[in-house]
Amino acid sequence: MPIQEGWKQAFFAGTLKLFLEGEEAVYFLERGERIRPTAEGANNLGLAYHRAGESTRAKNQFQLAVSRLEGYRDALINPETSESSGQITTHQIRMQSSRSEYSVF
């Protein structure tokens, strides 16, 4: 599937903002999800919502990520981790739209 105009910019900007400043990431990640919904985008948006204190919206995004990619480990672990410790997973933030093509921090 060809990448739609503006998606990559929104996905990367949102992911970078998430890595640096979680709350500012929401705008870019929501934009990326509107352009091209992905499991990684939903997971990253869930992380951004969690960091912004919006736990219900975060859990919804983690569930959405798993529905898009069955068995998606990061999205399966995040809700459990955030509920038990108030923290989110230390798993790497995905920088590409698919597991076959990504770099991590």
PDB file of N, CA and C in Angstrom:
ATOM      1  N   MET A   1       0.846  -1.174   0.000  1.00  0.00           N
ATOM      2  CA  MET A   1       0.000   0.000   0.000  1.00  0.00           C
ATOM      3  C   MET A   1       0.896   1.243   0.000  1.00  0.00           C
ATOM      4  N   PRO A   2       0.691   2.168  -0.934  1.00  0.00           N
ATOM      5  CA  PRO A   2       1.503   3.382  -0.968  1.00  0.00           C
ATOM      6  C   PRO A   2       1.218   4.256   0.256  1.00  0.00           C
ATOM      7  N   ILE A   3       2.236   4.927   0.710  1.00  0.00           N
ATOM      8  CA  ILE A   3       2.091   5.803   1.874  1.00  0.00           C
ATOM      9  C   ILE A   3       1.437   7.099   1.439  1.00  0.00           C
ATOM     10  N   GLN A   4       0.374   7.483   2.134  1.00  0.00           N
ATOM     11  CA  GLN A   4      -0.369   8.682   1.788  1.00  0.00           C
ATOM     12  C   GLN A   4       0.406   9.940   2.175  1.00  0.00           C
ATOM     13  N   GLU A   5       0.168  10.998   1.415  1.00  0.00           N
ATOM     14  CA  GLU A   5       0.825  12.282   1.627  1.00  0.00           C
ATOM     15  C   GLU A   5       0.624  12.756   3.063  1.00  0.00           C
ATOM     16  N   GLY A   6       1.689  13.128   3.701  1.00  0.00           N
ATOM     17  CA  GLY A   6       1.630  13.693   5.038  1.00  0.00           C
ATOM     18  C   GLY A   6       1.676  12.685   6.164  1.00  0.00           C
ATOM     19  N   TRP A   7       1.438  11.395   5.855  1.00  0.00           N
ATOM     20  CA  TRP A   7       1.403  10.407   6.925  1.00  0.00           C
ATOM     21  C   TRP A   7       2.763  10.256   7.591  1.00  0.00           C
ATOM     22  N   LYS A   8       3.791  10.060   6.787  1.00  0.00           N
ATOM     23  CA  LYS A   8       5.111   9.817   7.356  1.00  0.00           C
ATOM     24  C   LYS A   8       5.555  10.999   8.218  1.00  0.00           C
ATOM     25  N   GLN A   9       5.298  12.207   7.747  1.00  0.00           N
ATOM     26  CA  GLN A   9       5.656  13.397   8.517  1.00  0.00           C
ATOM     27  C   GLN A   9       4.921  13.399   9.860  1.00  0.00           C
ATOM     28  N   ALA A  10       3.636  13.128   9.836  1.00  0.00           N
ATOM     29  CA  ALA A  10       2.853  13.129  11.073  1.00  0.00           C
ATOM     30  C   ALA A  10       3.304  12.011  12.006  1.00  0.00           C
ATOM     31  N   PHE A  11       3.559  10.816  11.463  1.00  0.00           N
ATOM     32  CA  PHE A  11       3.977   9.683  12.286  1.00  0.00           C
ATOM     33  C   PHE A  11       5.325   9.961  12.940  1.00  0.00           C
ATOM     34  N   PHE A  12       6.301  10.420  12.159  1.00  0.00           N
ATOM     35  CA  PHE A  12       7.624  10.696  12.715  1.00  0.00           C
ATOM     36  C   PHE A  12       7.602  11.855  13.696  1.00  0.00           C
ATOM     37  N   ALA A  13       6.886  12.926  13.360  1.00  0.00           N
ATOM     38  CA  ALA A  13       6.813  14.077  14.265  1.00  0.00           C
ATOM     39  C   ALA A  13       6.164  13.670  15.580  1.00  0.00           C
ATOM     40  N   GLY A  14       5.087  12.912  15.503  1.00  0.00           N
ATOM     41  CA  GLY A  14       4.413  12.463  16.713  1.00  0.00           C
ATOM     42  C   GLY A  14       5.274  11.545  17.546  1.00  0.00           C
ATOM     43  N   THR A  15       5.977  10.633  16.899  1.00  0.00           N
ATOM     44  CA  THR A  15       6.839   9.707  17.617  1.00  0.00           C
ATOM     45  C   THR A  15       8.001  10.439  18.270  1.00  0.00           C
ATOM     46  N   LEU A  16       8.587  11.395  17.567  1.00  0.00           N
ATOM     47  CA  LEU A  16       9.676  12.180  18.147  1.00  0.00           C
ATOM     48  C   LEU A  16       9.176  12.987  19.339  1.00  0.00           C
ATOM     49  N   LYS A  17       8.031  13.632  19.184  1.00  0.00           N
ATOM     50  CA  LYS A  17       7.453  14.394  20.296  1.00  0.00           C
ATOM     51  C   LYS A  17       7.151  13.467  21.467  1.00  0.00           C
ATOM     52  N   LEU A  18       6.672  12.262  21.189  1.00  0.00           N
ATOM     53  CA  LEU A  18       6.378  11.298  22.237  1.00  0.00           C
ATOM     54  C   LEU A  18       7.643  10.945  22.999  1.00  0.00           C
ATOM     55  N   PHE A  19       8.720  10.755  22.276  1.00  0.00           N
ATOM     56  CA  PHE A  19       9.989  10.411  22.906  1.00  0.00           C
ATOM     57  C   PHE A  19      10.471  11.554  23.793  1.00  0.00           C
ATOM     58  N   LEU A  20      10.259  12.791  23.345  1.00  0.00           N
ATOM     59  CA  LEU A  20      10.755  13.953  24.076  1.00  0.00           C
ATOM     60  C   LEU A  20       9.720  14.536  25.035  1.00  0.00           C
ATOM     61  N   GLU A  21       8.515  14.780  24.539  1.00  0.00           N
ATOM     62  CA  GLU A  21       7.474  15.448  25.320  1.00  0.00           C
ATOM     63  C   GLU A  21       6.133  14.812  24.994  1.00  0.00           C
ATOM     64  N   GLY A  22       5.679  13.882  25.806  1.00  0.00           N
ATOM     65  CA  GLY A  22       4.492  13.090  25.514  1.00  0.00           C
ATOM     66  C   GLY A  22       3.240  13.841  25.140  1.00  0.00           C
ATOM     67  N   GLU A  23       2.894  14.895  25.886  1.00  0.00           N
ATOM     68  CA  GLU A  23       1.620  15.569  25.639  1.00  0.00           C
ATOM     69  C   GLU A  23       1.552  16.209  24.257  1.00  0.00           C
ATOM     70  N   GLU A  24       2.651  16.744  23.765  1.00  0.00           N
ATOM     71  CA  GLU A  24       2.647  17.387  22.451  1.00  0.00           C
ATOM     72  C   GLU A  24       2.544  16.378  21.312  1.00  0.00           C
ATOM     73  N   ALA A  25       2.783  15.128  21.614  1.00  0.00           N
ATOM     74  CA  ALA A  25       2.739  14.090  20.581  1.00  0.00           C
ATOM     75  C   ALA A  25       1.320  13.790  20.120  1.00  0.00           C
ATOM     76  N   VAL A  26       0.338  14.013  20.985  1.00  0.00           N
ATOM     77  CA  VAL A  26      -1.045  13.641  20.672  1.00  0.00           C
ATOM     78  C   VAL A  26      -1.499  14.243  19.347  1.00  0.00           C
ATOM     79  N   TYR A  27      -1.262  15.521  19.142  1.00  0.00           N
ATOM     80  CA  TYR A  27      -1.708  16.194  17.918  1.00  0.00           C
ATOM     81  C   TYR A  27      -1.180  15.481  16.676  1.00  0.00           C
ATOM     82  N   PHE A  28       0.128  15.237  16.637  1.00  0.00           N
ATOM     83  CA  PHE A  28       0.745  14.646  15.450  1.00  0.00           C
ATOM     84  C   PHE A  28       0.332  13.191  15.267  1.00  0.00           C
ATOM     85  N   LEU A  29       0.266  12.438  16.354  1.00  0.00           N
ATOM     86  CA  LEU A  29      -0.106  11.032  16.242  1.00  0.00           C
ATOM     87  C   LEU A  29      -1.571  10.870  15.835  1.00  0.00           C
ATOM     88  N   GLU A  30      -2.446  11.733  16.341  1.00  0.00           N
ATOM     89  CA  GLU A  30      -3.844  11.692  15.894  1.00  0.00           C
ATOM     90  C   GLU A  30      -3.929  12.014  14.404  1.00  0.00           C
ATOM     91  N   ARG A  31      -3.146  12.974  13.979  1.00  0.00           N
ATOM     92  CA  ARG A  31      -3.123  13.342  12.556  1.00  0.00           C
ATOM     93  C   ARG A  31      -2.656  12.159  11.703  1.00  0.00           C
ATOM     94  N   GLY A  32      -1.587  11.513  12.120  1.00  0.00           N
ATOM     95  CA  GLY A  32      -1.085  10.345  11.399  1.00  0.00           C
ATOM     96  C   GLY A  32      -2.105   9.222  11.342  1.00  0.00           C
ATOM     97  N   GLU A  33      -2.821   9.001  12.434  1.00  0.00           N
ATOM     98  CA  GLU A  33      -3.846   7.955  12.472  1.00  0.00           C
ATOM     99  C   GLU A  33      -5.010   8.278  11.543  1.00  0.00           C
ATOM    100  N   ARG A  34      -5.342   9.559  11.402  1.00  0.00           N
ATOM    101  CA  ARG A  34      -6.423   9.935  10.478  1.00  0.00           C
ATOM    102  C   ARG A  34      -6.007   9.687   9.029  1.00  0.00           C
ATOM    103  N   ILE A  35      -4.732   9.907   8.736  1.00  0.00           N
ATOM    104  CA  ILE A  35      -4.240   9.732   7.371  1.00  0.00           C
ATOM    105  C   ILE A  35      -4.096   8.252   7.033  1.00  0.00           C
ATOM    106  N   ARG A  36      -3.451   7.504   7.931  1.00  0.00           N
ATOM    107  CA  ARG A  36      -3.220   6.075   7.687  1.00  0.00           C
ATOM    108  C   ARG A  36      -3.164   5.337   9.020  1.00  0.00           C
ATOM    109  N   PRO A  37      -4.239   4.723   9.427  1.00  0.00           N
ATOM    110  CA  PRO A  37      -4.261   3.996  10.692  1.00  0.00           C
ATOM    111  C   PRO A  37      -3.320   2.785  10.659  1.00  0.00           C
ATOM    112  N   THR A  38      -2.494   2.644  11.696  1.00  0.00           N
ATOM    113  CA  THR A  38      -1.594   1.499  11.821  1.00  0.00           C
ATOM    114  C   THR A  38      -1.593   1.013  13.263  1.00  0.00           C
ATOM    115  N   ALA A  39      -1.150  -0.215  13.470  1.00  0.00           N
ATOM    116  CA  ALA A  39      -1.025  -0.746  14.826  1.00  0.00           C
ATOM    117  C   ALA A  39      -0.005   0.059  15.625  1.00  0.00           C
ATOM    118  N   GLU A  40       1.125   0.372  15.007  1.00  0.00           N
ATOM    119  CA  GLU A  40       2.171   1.122  15.696  1.00  0.00           C
ATOM    120  C   GLU A  40       1.710   2.533  16.032  1.00  0.00           C
ATOM    121  N   GLY A  41       0.968   3.147  15.104  1.00  0.00           N
ATOM    122  CA  GLY A  41       0.443   4.487  15.357  1.00  0.00           C
ATOM    123  C   GLY A  41      -0.521   4.492  16.534  1.00  0.00           C
ATOM    124  N   ALA A  42      -1.401   3.498  16.594  1.00  0.00           N
ATOM    125  CA  ALA A  42      -2.346   3.397  17.710  1.00  0.00           C
ATOM    126  C   ALA A  42      -1.613   3.155  19.023  1.00  0.00           C
ATOM    127  N   ASN A  43      -0.595   2.302  19.012  1.00  0.00           N
ATOM    128  CA  ASN A  43       0.179   2.046  20.225  1.00  0.00           C
ATOM    129  C   ASN A  43       0.883   3.318  20.686  1.00  0.00           C
ATOM    130  N   ASN A  44       1.532   4.020  19.761  1.00  0.00           N
ATOM    131  CA  ASN A  44       2.226   5.248  20.131  1.00  0.00           C
ATOM    132  C   ASN A  44       1.246   6.304  20.634  1.00  0.00           C
ATOM    133  N   LEU A  45       0.067   6.387  20.017  1.00  0.00           N
ATOM    134  CA  LEU A  45      -0.954   7.321  20.484  1.00  0.00           C
ATOM    135  C   LEU A  45      -1.416   6.920  21.886  1.00  0.00           C
ATOM    136  N   GLY A  46      -1.522   5.636  22.142  1.00  0.00           N
ATOM    137  CA  GLY A  46      -1.849   5.166  23.491  1.00  0.00           C
ATOM    138  C   GLY A  46      -0.805   5.604  24.505  1.00  0.00           C
ATOM    139  N   LEU A  47       0.464   5.522  24.124  1.00  0.00           N
ATOM    140  CA  LEU A  47       1.538   5.992  25.002  1.00  0.00           C
ATOM    141  C   LEU A  47       1.398   7.484  25.271  1.00  0.00           C
ATOM    142  N   ALA A  48       1.101   8.253  24.231  1.00  0.00           N
ATOM    143  CA  ALA A  48       0.949   9.702  24.383  1.00  0.00           C
ATOM    144  C   ALA A  48      -0.230  10.026  25.301  1.00  0.00           C
ATOM    145  N   TYR A  49      -1.358   9.344  25.105  1.00  0.00           N
ATOM    146  CA  TYR A  49      -2.512   9.563  25.981  1.00  0.00           C
ATOM    147  C   TYR A  49      -2.164   9.209  27.426  1.00  0.00           C
ATOM    148  N   HIS A  50      -1.462   8.091  27.616  1.00  0.00           N
ATOM    149  CA  HIS A  50      -1.066   7.681  28.968  1.00  0.00           C
ATOM    150  C   HIS A  50      -0.220   8.769  29.625  1.00  0.00           C
ATOM    151  N   ARG A  51       0.751   9.271  28.901  1.00  0.00           N
ATOM    152  CA  ARG A  51       1.631  10.309  29.451  1.00  0.00           C
ATOM    153  C   ARG A  51       0.890  11.615  29.708  1.00  0.00           C
ATOM    154  N   ALA A  52      -0.228  11.819  29.009  1.00  0.00           N
ATOM    155  CA  ALA A  52      -1.049  13.019  29.219  1.00  0.00           C
ATOM    156  C   ALA A  52      -2.099  12.791  30.314  1.00  0.00           C
ATOM    157  N   GLY A  53      -2.083  11.615  30.938  1.00  0.00           N
ATOM    158  CA  GLY A  53      -3.011  11.322  32.020  1.00  0.00           C
ATOM    159  C   GLY A  53      -4.386  10.867  31.570  1.00  0.00           C
ATOM    160  N   GLU A  54      -4.520  10.458  30.322  1.00  0.00           N
ATOM    161  CA  GLU A  54      -5.810  10.021  29.776  1.00  0.00           C
ATOM    162  C   GLU A  54      -5.810   8.498  29.637  1.00  0.00           C
ATOM    163  N   SER A  55      -5.958   7.813  30.777  1.00  0.00           N
ATOM    164  CA  SER A  55      -5.792   6.360  30.788  1.00  0.00           C
ATOM    165  C   SER A  55      -6.863   5.615  29.990  1.00  0.00           C
ATOM    166  N   THR A  56      -8.102   6.084  30.003  1.00  0.00           N
ATOM    167  CA  THR A  56      -9.150   5.398  29.238  1.00  0.00           C
ATOM    168  C   THR A  56      -8.866   5.472  27.746  1.00  0.00           C
ATOM    169  N   ARG A  57      -8.507   6.647  27.270  1.00  0.00           N
ATOM    170  CA  ARG A  57      -8.178   6.797  25.849  1.00  0.00           C
ATOM    171  C   ARG A  57      -6.940   5.972  25.500  1.00  0.00           C
ATOM    172  N   ALA A  58      -5.980   5.903  26.420  1.00  0.00           N
ATOM    173  CA  ALA A  58      -4.771   5.106  26.186  1.00  0.00           C
ATOM    174  C   ALA A  58      -5.132   3.635  26.004  1.00  0.00           C
ATOM    175  N   LYS A  59      -5.931   3.101  26.921  1.00  0.00           N
ATOM    176  CA  LYS A  59      -6.319   1.686  26.838  1.00  0.00           C
ATOM    177  C   LYS A  59      -7.072   1.392  25.545  1.00  0.00           C
ATOM    178  N   ASN A  60      -7.938   2.316  25.136  1.00  0.00           N
ATOM    179  CA  ASN A  60      -8.665   2.128  23.873  1.00  0.00           C
ATOM    180  C   ASN A  60      -7.707   2.032  22.691  1.00  0.00           C
ATOM    181  N   GLN A  61      -6.657   2.838  22.700  1.00  0.00           N
ATOM    182  CA  GLN A  61      -5.681   2.802  21.605  1.00  0.00           C
ATOM    183  C   GLN A  61      -4.869   1.509  21.630  1.00  0.00           C
ATOM    184  N   PHE A  62      -4.509   1.030  22.827  1.00  0.00           N
ATOM    185  CA  PHE A  62      -3.772  -0.233  22.907  1.00  0.00           C
ATOM    186  C   PHE A  62      -4.634  -1.379  22.370  1.00  0.00           C
ATOM    187  N   GLN A  63      -5.921  -1.384  22.713  1.00  0.00           N
ATOM    188  CA  GLN A  63      -6.838  -2.412  22.193  1.00  0.00           C
ATOM    189  C   GLN A  63      -6.969  -2.313  20.677  1.00  0.00           C
ATOM    190  N   LEU A  64      -7.039  -1.093  20.180  1.00  0.00           N
ATOM    191  CA  LEU A  64      -7.128  -0.881  18.737  1.00  0.00           C
ATOM    192  C   LEU A  64      -5.869  -1.404  18.041  1.00  0.00           C
ATOM    193  N   ALA A  65      -4.706  -1.151  18.644  1.00  0.00           N
ATOM    194  CA  ALA A  65      -3.443  -1.629  18.068  1.00  0.00           C
ATOM    195  C   ALA A  65      -3.442  -3.148  17.958  1.00  0.00           C
ATOM    196  N   VAL A  66      -3.907  -3.826  19.006  1.00  0.00           N
ATOM    197  CA  VAL A  66      -3.957  -5.297  18.997  1.00  0.00           C
ATOM    198  C   VAL A  66      -4.973  -5.791  17.964  1.00  0.00           C
ATOM    199  N   SER A  67      -6.063  -5.060  17.788  1.00  0.00           N
ATOM    200  CA  SER A  67      -7.045  -5.481  16.778  1.00  0.00           C
ATOM    201  C   SER A  67      -6.481  -5.342  15.366  1.00  0.00           C
ATOM    202  N   ARG A  68      -5.540  -4.439  15.196  1.00  0.00           N
ATOM    203  CA  ARG A  68      -4.915  -4.248  13.880  1.00  0.00           C
ATOM    204  C   ARG A  68      -3.765  -5.214  13.637  1.00  0.00           C
ATOM    205  N   LEU A  69      -3.117  -5.640  14.719  1.00  0.00           N
ATOM    206  CA  LEU A  69      -1.991  -6.569  14.602  1.00  0.00           C
ATOM    207  C   LEU A  69      -2.084  -7.555  15.761  1.00  0.00           C
ATOM    208  N   GLU A  70      -2.706  -8.693  15.500  1.00  0.00           N
ATOM    209  CA  GLU A  70      -2.925  -9.698  16.536  1.00  0.00           C
ATOM    210  C   GLU A  70      -1.601 -10.101  17.186  1.00  0.00           C
ATOM    211  N   GLY A  71      -1.603 -10.149  18.512  1.00  0.00           N
ATOM    212  CA  GLY A  71      -0.411 -10.552  19.238  1.00  0.00           C
ATOM    213  C   GLY A  71       0.633  -9.462  19.382  1.00  0.00           C
ATOM    214  N   TYR A  72       0.294  -8.224  19.067  1.00  0.00           N
ATOM    215  CA  TYR A  72       1.240  -7.096  19.139  1.00  0.00           C
ATOM    216  C   TYR A  72       1.673  -6.916  20.591  1.00  0.00           C
ATOM    217  N   ARG A  73       2.858  -7.401  20.895  1.00  0.00           N
ATOM    218  CA  ARG A  73       3.351  -7.494  22.268  1.00  0.00           C
ATOM    219  C   ARG A  73       3.357  -6.155  23.001  1.00  0.00           C
ATOM    220  N   ASP A  74       3.862  -5.117  22.380  1.00  0.00           N
ATOM    221  CA  ASP A  74       3.933  -3.817  23.047  1.00  0.00           C
ATOM    222  C   ASP A  74       2.547  -3.378  23.511  1.00  0.00           C
ATOM    223  N   ALA A  75       1.568  -3.457  22.625  1.00  0.00           N
ATOM    224  CA  ALA A  75       0.215  -3.004  22.943  1.00  0.00           C
ATOM    225  C   ALA A  75      -0.483  -3.932  23.940  1.00  0.00           C
ATOM    226  N   LEU A  76      -0.095  -5.198  23.987  1.00  0.00           N
ATOM    227  CA  LEU A  76      -0.660  -6.119  24.970  1.00  0.00           C
ATOM    228  C   LEU A  76      -0.109  -5.845  26.364  1.00  0.00           C
ATOM    229  N   ILE A  77       1.155  -5.481  26.451  1.00  0.00           N
ATOM    230  CA  ILE A  77       1.813  -5.253  27.739  1.00  0.00           C
ATOM    231  C   ILE A  77       1.463  -3.890  28.327  1.00  0.00           C
ATOM    232  N   ASN A  78       1.303  -2.877  27.507  1.00  0.00           N
ATOM    233  CA  ASN A  78       1.124  -1.515  28.006  1.00  0.00           C
ATOM    234  C   ASN A  78      -0.022  -1.340  29.000  1.00  0.00           C
ATOM    235  N   PRO A  79      -1.233  -1.848  28.744  1.00  0.00           N
ATOM    236  CA  PRO A  79      -2.313  -1.642  29.723  1.00  0.00           C
ATOM    237  C   PRO A  79      -2.022  -2.301  31.069  1.00  0.00           C
ATOM    238  N   GLU A  80      -1.448  -3.496  31.061  1.00  0.00           N
ATOM    239  CA  GLU A  80      -1.117  -4.197  32.303  1.00  0.00           C
ATOM    240  C   GLU A  80      -0.081  -3.416  33.095  1.00  0.00           C
ATOM    241  N   THR A  81       0.943  -2.947  32.415  1.00  0.00           N
ATOM    242  CA  THR A  81       2.027  -2.228  33.065  1.00  0.00           C
ATOM    243  C   THR A  81       1.530  -0.918  33.654  1.00  0.00           C
ATOM    244  N   SER A  82       0.725  -0.187  32.914  1.00  0.00           N
ATOM    245  CA  SER A  82       0.259   1.112  33.391  1.00  0.00           C
ATOM    246  C   SER A  82      -0.679   0.965  34.588  1.00  0.00           C
ATOM    247  N   GLU A  83      -1.483  -0.095  34.637  1.00  0.00           N
ATOM    248  CA  GLU A  83      -2.393  -0.298  35.766  1.00  0.00           C
ATOM    249  C   GLU A  83      -1.664  -0.743  37.020  1.00  0.00           C
ATOM    250  N   SER A  84      -0.709  -1.642  36.889  1.00  0.00           N
ATOM    251  CA  SER A  84      -0.060  -2.202  38.071  1.00  0.00           C
ATOM    252  C   SER A  84       0.944  -1.252  38.705  1.00  0.00           C
ATOM    253  N   SER A  85       1.642  -0.475  37.898  1.00  0.00           N
ATOM    254  CA  SER A  85       2.700   0.363  38.463  1.00  0.00           C
ATOM    255  C   SER A  85       2.531   1.847  38.175  1.00  0.00           C
ATOM    256  N   GLY A  86       1.554   2.185  37.346  1.00  0.00           N
ATOM    257  CA  GLY A  86       1.404   3.582  36.950  1.00  0.00           C
ATOM    258  C   GLY A  86       2.404   3.984  35.887  1.00  0.00           C
ATOM    259  N   GLN A  87       3.248   3.053  35.518  1.00  0.00           N
ATOM    260  CA  GLN A  87       4.272   3.303  34.504  1.00  0.00           C
ATOM    261  C   GLN A  87       3.864   2.619  33.210  1.00  0.00           C
ATOM    262  N   ILE A  88       4.505   3.031  32.152  1.00  0.00           N
ATOM    263  CA  ILE A  88       4.250   2.435  30.848  1.00  0.00           C
ATOM    264  C   ILE A  88       5.454   1.579  30.477  1.00  0.00           C
ATOM    265  N   THR A  89       5.276   0.698  29.538  1.00  0.00           N
ATOM    266  CA  THR A  89       6.344  -0.205  29.134  1.00  0.00           C
ATOM    267  C   THR A  89       7.634   0.519  28.769  1.00  0.00           C
ATOM    268  N   THR A  90       8.728  -0.167  28.970  1.00  0.00           N
ATOM    269  CA  THR A  90      10.011   0.374  28.532  1.00  0.00           C
ATOM    270  C   THR A  90      10.345  -0.115  27.135  1.00  0.00           C
ATOM    271  N   HIS A  91       9.384  -0.839  26.513  1.00  0.00           N
ATOM    272  CA  HIS A  91       9.617  -1.278  25.137  1.00  0.00           C
ATOM    273  C   HIS A  91       9.832  -0.065  24.248  1.00  0.00           C
ATOM    274  N   GLN A  92      10.620  -0.240  23.240  1.00  0.00           N
ATOM    275  CA  GLN A  92      10.973   0.861  22.358  1.00  0.00           C
ATOM    276  C   GLN A  92       9.776   1.409  21.604  1.00  0.00           C
ATOM    277  N   ILE A  93       9.835   2.701  21.326  1.00  0.00           N
ATOM    278  CA  ILE A  93       8.822   3.367  20.523  1.00  0.00           C
ATOM    279  C   ILE A  93       9.122   3.064  19.063  1.00  0.00           C
ATOM    280  N   ARG A  94       8.144   2.598  18.351  1.00  0.00           N
ATOM    281  CA  ARG A  94       8.351   2.245  16.948  1.00  0.00           C
ATOM    282  C   ARG A  94       8.451   3.483  16.082  1.00  0.00           C
ATOM    283  N   MET A  95       9.435   3.464  15.192  1.00  0.00           N
ATOM    284  CA  MET A  95       9.690   4.599  14.316  1.00  0.00           C
ATOM    285  C   MET A  95       9.256   4.352  12.878  1.00  0.00           C
ATOM    286  N   GLN A  96       8.754   3.181  12.557  1.00  0.00           N
ATOM    287  CA  GLN A  96       8.279   2.889  11.206  1.00  0.00           C
ATOM    288  C   GLN A  96       6.928   2.210  11.300  1.00  0.00           C
ATOM    289  N   SER A  97       6.277   2.125  10.186  1.00  0.00           N
ATOM    290  CA  SER A  97       4.903   1.626  10.178  1.00  0.00           C
ATOM    291  C   SER A  97       4.782   0.110  10.186  1.00  0.00           C
ATOM    292  N   SER A  98       5.871  -0.602  10.121  1.00  0.00           N
ATOM    293  CA  SER A  98       5.754  -2.054  10.154  1.00  0.00           C
ATOM    294  C   SER A  98       6.936  -2.660  10.888  1.00  0.00           C
ATOM    295  N   ARG A  99       6.727  -3.835  11.436  1.00  0.00           N
ATOM    296  CA  ARG A  99       7.779  -4.497  12.205  1.00  0.00           C
ATOM    297  C   ARG A  99       8.979  -4.876  11.332  1.00  0.00           C
ATOM    298  N   SER A 100       8.778  -4.977  10.044  1.00  0.00           N
ATOM    299  CA  SER A 100       9.881  -5.372   9.176  1.00  0.00           C
ATOM    300  C   SER A 100      10.764  -4.192   8.805  1.00  0.00           C
ATOM    301  N   GLU A 101      10.347  -2.995   9.196  1.00  0.00           N
ATOM    302  CA  GLU A 101      11.075  -1.809   8.752  1.00  0.00           C
ATOM    303  C   GLU A 101      11.001  -0.732   9.832  1.00  0.00           C
ATOM    304  N   TYR A 102      11.821  -0.868  10.891  1.00  0.00           N
ATOM    305  CA  TYR A 102      11.787   0.155  11.925  1.00  0.00           C
ATOM    306  C   TYR A 102      13.153   0.297  12.584  1.00  0.00           C
ATOM    307  N   SER A 103      13.329   1.420  13.249  1.00  0.00           N
ATOM    308  CA  SER A 103      14.495   1.624  14.097  1.00  0.00           C
ATOM    309  C   SER A 103      13.971   1.999  15.468  1.00  0.00           C
ATOM    310  N   VAL A 104      14.743   1.727  16.507  1.00  0.00           N
ATOM    311  CA  VAL A 104      14.285   1.999  17.862  1.00  0.00           C
ATOM    312  C   VAL A 104      15.300   2.853  18.592  1.00  0.00           C
ATOM    313  N   PHE A 105      14.822   3.499  19.655  1.00  0.00           N
ATOM    314  CA  PHE A 105      15.708   4.294  20.511  1.00  0.00           C
ATOM    315  C   PHE A 105      16.259   3.413  21.590  1.00  0.00           C
TER     316      PHE A 105
END
